[in-house]
Amino acid sequence: MNSKKIEVFGKVQGVCFRYFTQQHALKLHVDGYAQNRMDGSVEILAYGQESDLSILIERINQGPPTSTVEEVVIEACNDRPLPGFRIL
């Protein structure tokens, strides 16, 4: 099991990006959270199997149809969130 901190930049607030992320994370059995940041980006903490995280990251790069993902920054971390995937 691995943890990733993911920062998503572009038109990612006000377009259901966090809910989109939550839906895919839950289907993939990935734990964590998605939250809006003051700078207009979305921060995601994702914890799960590496293969599931890779799929989630692919979907995050696409985003929902109403979004425009300009940049995704990913870094490994040691955080382990509570079970489930929350929108903060």
C-alpha atoms as a PDB file:
ATOM      1  CA  MET A   1       0.000   0.000   0.000  1.00  0.00           C
ATOM      2  CA  ASN A   2       1.232   3.456  -0.927  1.00  0.00           C
ATOM      3  CA  SER A   3       0.267   7.060  -0.248  1.00  0.00           C
ATOM      4  CA  LYS A   4       0.401   9.904  -2.743  1.00  0.00           C
ATOM      5  CA  LYS A   5      -0.188  13.591  -2.269  1.00  0.00           C
ATOM      6  CA  ILE A   6      -1.604  14.981  -5.498  1.00  0.00           C
ATOM      7  CA  GLU A   7      -2.038  18.667  -6.342  1.00  0.00           C
ATOM      8  CA  VAL A   8      -4.247  19.486  -9.311  1.00  0.00           C
ATOM      9  CA  PHE A   9      -4.121  22.895 -11.005  1.00  0.00           C
ATOM     10  CA  GLY A  10      -6.366  24.470 -13.623  1.00  0.00           C
ATOM     11  CA  LYS A  11     -10.120  24.920 -13.683  1.00  0.00           C
ATOM     12  CA  VAL A  12     -10.734  22.371 -10.933  1.00  0.00           C
ATOM     13  CA  GLN A  13     -12.979  24.175  -8.453  1.00  0.00           C
ATOM     14  CA  GLY A  14     -16.691  24.662  -8.997  1.00  0.00           C
ATOM     15  CA  VAL A  15     -16.769  21.824 -11.563  1.00  0.00           C
ATOM     16  CA  CYS A  16     -17.448  18.799  -9.281  1.00  0.00           C
ATOM     17  CA  PHE A  17     -13.785  17.754  -9.403  1.00  0.00           C
ATOM     18  CA  ARG A  18     -13.709  16.525  -5.789  1.00  0.00           C
ATOM     19  CA  TYR A  19     -16.884  14.461  -6.271  1.00  0.00           C
ATOM     20  CA  PHE A  20     -15.492  13.032  -9.516  1.00  0.00           C
ATOM     21  CA  THR A  21     -12.322  12.041  -7.653  1.00  0.00           C
ATOM     22  CA  GLN A  22     -14.300  10.538  -4.775  1.00  0.00           C
ATOM     23  CA  GLN A  23     -16.435   8.395  -7.106  1.00  0.00           C
ATOM     24  CA  HIS A  24     -13.394   6.932  -8.841  1.00  0.00           C
ATOM     25  CA  ALA A  25     -11.444   6.469  -5.588  1.00  0.00           C
ATOM     26  CA  LEU A  26     -14.302   4.545  -3.982  1.00  0.00           C
ATOM     27  CA  LYS A  27     -14.639   2.265  -7.031  1.00  0.00           C
ATOM     28  CA  LEU A  28     -10.902   1.561  -6.820  1.00  0.00           C
ATOM     29  CA  HIS A  29     -10.937   1.028  -3.011  1.00  0.00           C
ATOM     30  CA  VAL A  30      -8.567   3.977  -2.512  1.00  0.00           C
ATOM     31  CA  ASP A  31      -8.740   5.792   0.828  1.00  0.00           C
ATOM     32  CA  GLY A  32      -8.068   9.473   1.338  1.00  0.00           C
ATOM     33  CA  TYR A  33      -9.586  12.884   0.732  1.00  0.00           C
ATOM     34  CA  ALA A  34      -9.938  15.700  -1.764  1.00  0.00           C
ATOM     35  CA  GLN A  35     -10.104  19.326  -0.703  1.00  0.00           C
ATOM     36  CA  ASN A  36     -10.156  22.725  -2.350  1.00  0.00           C
ATOM     37  CA  ARG A  37      -7.211  24.990  -1.623  1.00  0.00           C
ATOM     38  CA  MET A  38      -7.189  28.759  -1.337  1.00  0.00           C
ATOM     39  CA  ASP A  39      -5.073  29.111  -4.510  1.00  0.00           C
ATOM     40  CA  GLY A  40      -7.805  27.498  -6.665  1.00  0.00           C
ATOM     41  CA  SER A  41      -6.185  24.063  -6.835  1.00  0.00           C
ATOM     42  CA  VAL A  42      -7.402  20.746  -5.403  1.00  0.00           C
ATOM     43  CA  GLU A  43      -5.305  18.714  -2.972  1.00  0.00           C
ATOM     44  CA  ILE A  44      -5.785  14.952  -2.877  1.00  0.00           C
ATOM     45  CA  LEU A  45      -4.356  12.387  -0.502  1.00  0.00           C
ATOM     46  CA  ALA A  46      -4.743   8.881  -1.911  1.00  0.00           C
ATOM     47  CA  TYR A  47      -3.803   5.626  -0.194  1.00  0.00           C
ATOM     48  CA  GLY A  48      -4.060   2.217  -1.812  1.00  0.00           C
ATOM     49  CA  GLN A  49      -2.481  -0.366  -4.091  1.00  0.00           C
ATOM     50  CA  GLU A  50      -0.023   1.132  -6.589  1.00  0.00           C
ATOM     51  CA  SER A  51      -2.036  -0.177  -9.564  1.00  0.00           C
ATOM     52  CA  ASP A  52      -5.230   1.447  -8.235  1.00  0.00           C
ATOM     53  CA  LEU A  53      -3.413   4.721  -7.551  1.00  0.00           C
ATOM     54  CA  SER A  54      -2.110   4.728 -11.122  1.00  0.00           C
ATOM     55  CA  ILE A  55      -5.635   4.357 -12.496  1.00  0.00           C
ATOM     56  CA  LEU A  56      -6.916   7.097 -10.184  1.00  0.00           C
ATOM     57  CA  ILE A  57      -4.119   9.431 -11.286  1.00  0.00           C
ATOM     58  CA  GLU A  58      -5.001   8.778 -14.958  1.00  0.00           C
ATOM     59  CA  ARG A  59      -8.602   9.748 -14.241  1.00  0.00           C
ATOM     60  CA  ILE A  60      -7.526  12.812 -12.253  1.00  0.00           C
ATOM     61  CA  ASN A  61      -5.456  13.943 -15.249  1.00  0.00           C
ATOM     62  CA  GLN A  62      -8.614  13.776 -17.385  1.00  0.00           C
ATOM     63  CA  GLY A  63     -10.979  15.230 -14.794  1.00  0.00           C
ATOM     64  CA  PRO A  64     -14.715  15.650 -15.256  1.00  0.00           C
ATOM     65  CA  PRO A  65     -15.887  17.130 -18.580  1.00  0.00           C
ATOM     66  CA  THR A  66     -16.462  20.559 -17.006  1.00  0.00           C
ATOM     67  CA  SER A  67     -12.871  20.851 -15.738  1.00  0.00           C
ATOM     68  CA  THR A  68      -9.602  21.828 -17.368  1.00  0.00           C
ATOM     69  CA  VAL A  69      -6.612  20.090 -15.783  1.00  0.00           C
ATOM     70  CA  GLU A  70      -3.463  22.087 -16.520  1.00  0.00           C
ATOM     71  CA  GLU A  71      -0.966  20.455 -14.159  1.00  0.00           C
ATOM     72  CA  VAL A  72      -0.844  17.524 -11.747  1.00  0.00           C
ATOM     73  CA  VAL A  73       1.948  17.329  -9.172  1.00  0.00           C
ATOM     74  CA  ILE A  74       2.419  13.985  -7.441  1.00  0.00           C
ATOM     75  CA  GLU A  75       4.666  13.128  -4.533  1.00  0.00           C
ATOM     76  CA  ALA A  76       4.994  10.046  -2.385  1.00  0.00           C
ATOM     77  CA  CYS A  77       4.196  10.498   1.287  1.00  0.00           C
ATOM     78  CA  ASN A  78       3.840   8.417   4.432  1.00  0.00           C
ATOM     79  CA  ASP A  79       0.365   9.599   5.445  1.00  0.00           C
ATOM     80  CA  ARG A  80      -2.307   6.984   5.967  1.00  0.00           C
ATOM     81  CA  PRO A  81      -5.823   8.436   6.009  1.00  0.00           C
ATOM     82  CA  LEU A  82      -8.883   6.984   7.691  1.00  0.00           C
ATOM     83  CA  PRO A  83     -10.736   4.318   5.698  1.00  0.00           C
ATOM     84  CA  GLY A  84     -12.985   5.640   2.933  1.00  0.00           C
ATOM     85  CA  PHE A  85     -12.612   8.682   0.709  1.00  0.00           C
ATOM     86  CA  ARG A  86     -13.826  12.041   1.971  1.00  0.00           C
ATOM     87  CA  ILE A  87     -14.468  15.427   0.488  1.00  0.00           C
ATOM     88  CA  LEU A  88     -13.177  18.130   2.811  1.00  0.00           C
END
